[in-house]
Protein backbone atom coordinates (compact mmCIF):
# COMPACT_ATOMS: atom_id res chain seq x y z
CA MET A 1 66.03 192.05 41.01
CA ILE A 2 63.41 193.61 43.30
CA VAL A 3 62.95 190.32 45.11
CA ARG A 4 66.68 190.15 45.70
CA ARG A 5 66.75 193.67 47.15
CA VAL A 6 63.79 192.92 49.38
CA GLY A 7 65.55 189.73 50.58
CA ILE A 8 68.76 191.63 51.29
CA GLY A 9 66.78 194.38 53.07
CA ALA A 10 64.93 191.82 55.19
CA ALA A 11 68.19 190.08 56.07
CA LEU A 12 69.72 193.44 57.03
CA VAL A 13 66.72 194.33 59.21
CA LEU A 14 66.95 190.91 60.84
CA VAL A 15 70.67 191.38 61.59
CA VAL A 16 70.01 194.84 63.09
CA LEU A 17 67.15 193.50 65.23
CA LEU A 18 69.33 190.62 66.47
CA ASP A 19 72.10 193.08 67.34
CA ILE A 20 69.68 195.29 69.28
CA TRP A 21 68.26 192.25 71.10
CA GLN A 22 71.80 191.12 71.98
CA HIS A 23 72.67 194.51 73.49
CA VAL A 24 69.40 194.64 75.46
CA HIS A 25 70.04 191.11 76.72
CA ILE A 26 73.58 192.01 77.82
CA VAL A 27 72.30 195.06 79.74
CA THR A 28 69.59 192.94 81.39
CA LEU A 29 72.17 190.34 82.43
CA GLY A 30 74.35 193.12 83.83
CA TYR A 31 71.48 194.28 86.05
CA GLU A 32 70.85 190.70 87.19
CA VAL A 33 74.54 190.24 88.05
CA GLU A 34 74.50 193.48 90.07
CA GLN A 35 71.39 192.40 91.97
CA SER A 36 72.94 189.01 92.69
CA GLU A 37 76.11 190.68 93.96
CA GLN A 38 74.07 192.90 96.29
CA LYS A 39 72.19 189.85 97.61
CA ARG A 40 75.48 188.01 98.14
CA LYS A 41 76.90 190.92 100.13
CA ALA A 42 73.73 191.15 102.23
CA MET A 43 73.89 187.40 102.92
CA GLN A 44 77.55 187.64 103.91
CA GLN A 45 76.67 190.42 106.35
CA MET A 46 73.80 188.37 107.77
CA HIS A 47 76.14 185.37 108.10
CA LYS A 48 78.59 187.47 110.11
CA GLN A 49 75.78 188.71 112.36
CA LEU A 50 74.54 185.15 112.90
CA LEU A 51 78.04 183.98 113.83
CA VAL A 52 78.23 186.73 116.45
CA GLU A 53 74.78 185.73 117.73
CA VAL A 54 75.83 182.07 117.97
CA GLU A 55 78.93 183.04 119.94
CA THR A 56 76.87 185.25 122.24
CA LEU A 57 74.17 182.65 122.84
CA SER A 58 76.63 179.81 123.41
CA ASP A 59 78.69 181.71 126.00
CA LEU A 60 79.04 179.32 128.94
CA ASP A 61 78.74 182.09 131.57
CA ARG A 62 75.46 183.21 129.98
CA ILE A 63 74.14 179.65 129.89
CA GLU A 64 75.07 179.16 133.54
CA ARG A 65 73.30 182.40 134.52
CA ILE A 66 70.13 181.30 132.73
CA ALA A 67 70.33 177.79 134.20
CA THR A 68 70.64 179.09 137.75
CA ALA A 69 68.48 182.23 137.62
CA LYS A 70 65.63 181.19 135.32
CA LEU A 71 65.62 177.40 135.55
CA GLY A 72 66.55 177.06 139.21
CA MET A 73 69.42 174.67 138.48
CA ILE A 74 72.40 174.38 140.81
CA LYS A 75 75.95 173.15 140.38
CA PRO A 76 76.39 169.49 141.39
CA GLN A 77 77.79 168.91 144.85
CA GLU A 78 80.92 166.93 145.65
CA GLY A 79 80.31 163.23 144.96
CA GLN A 80 77.15 163.90 142.97
CA VAL A 81 78.88 163.56 139.60
CA VAL A 82 79.60 160.00 138.53
CA LEU A 83 82.01 159.14 135.73
CA VAL A 84 80.69 156.26 133.61
CA GLN A 85 82.89 154.40 131.11
CA ARG A 86 81.12 153.16 128.02
CA GLY A 87 82.05 149.64 127.01
CA ALA A 88 83.63 148.92 123.65
CA PRO A 89 81.10 147.96 120.98
CA SER A 90 81.71 144.94 118.80
CA ASP A 91 84.35 145.50 116.13
CA ALA A 92 81.82 145.11 113.30
CA SER A 93 79.63 148.00 114.44
CA ARG A 94 82.30 150.16 116.08
CA ASP A 95 82.64 153.75 114.89
CA LEU A 96 86.36 154.01 114.19
CA SER A 97 86.37 157.79 114.58
CA ARG A 98 85.55 157.52 118.32
CA PRO A 99 87.83 156.11 121.01
CA LEU A 100 86.99 152.76 122.58
CA ALA A 101 86.09 154.15 126.00
CA THR A 102 84.61 157.63 126.23
CA PRO A 103 83.95 159.05 129.69
CA LEU A 104 80.41 160.20 130.31
CA ARG A 105 79.61 162.52 133.20
CA ILE A 106 76.21 162.33 134.83
CA ALA A 107 74.87 163.80 138.04
CA LYS A 108 72.91 161.76 140.56
CA LYS A 109 69.70 163.31 141.78
CA GLY A 110 70.14 164.86 145.21
CA PRO A 111 68.17 163.91 148.37
């Protein structure tokens, strides 16, 4: 009889301990979810900032200013730009997503 009561008591203690562990685990997971949500929001904000930076850095007027002011480049003169047509590759190796003849603009070096 005593052994049975001790067994029932041990089983009851085990059930209580498992219930406490489960609640602690749920609270811990809740904190982890909250931290992950905060990181996600911070990453979304950083993504937006990076998109703005990409737009700013790829502005053609800005690139032209840097090319002329810092790199000493100039716009090509009349007749300096030559349009070159690429020939069609063989059908076996042809990339079907690109047109057969794509114009390519190059500038000849000045005098």
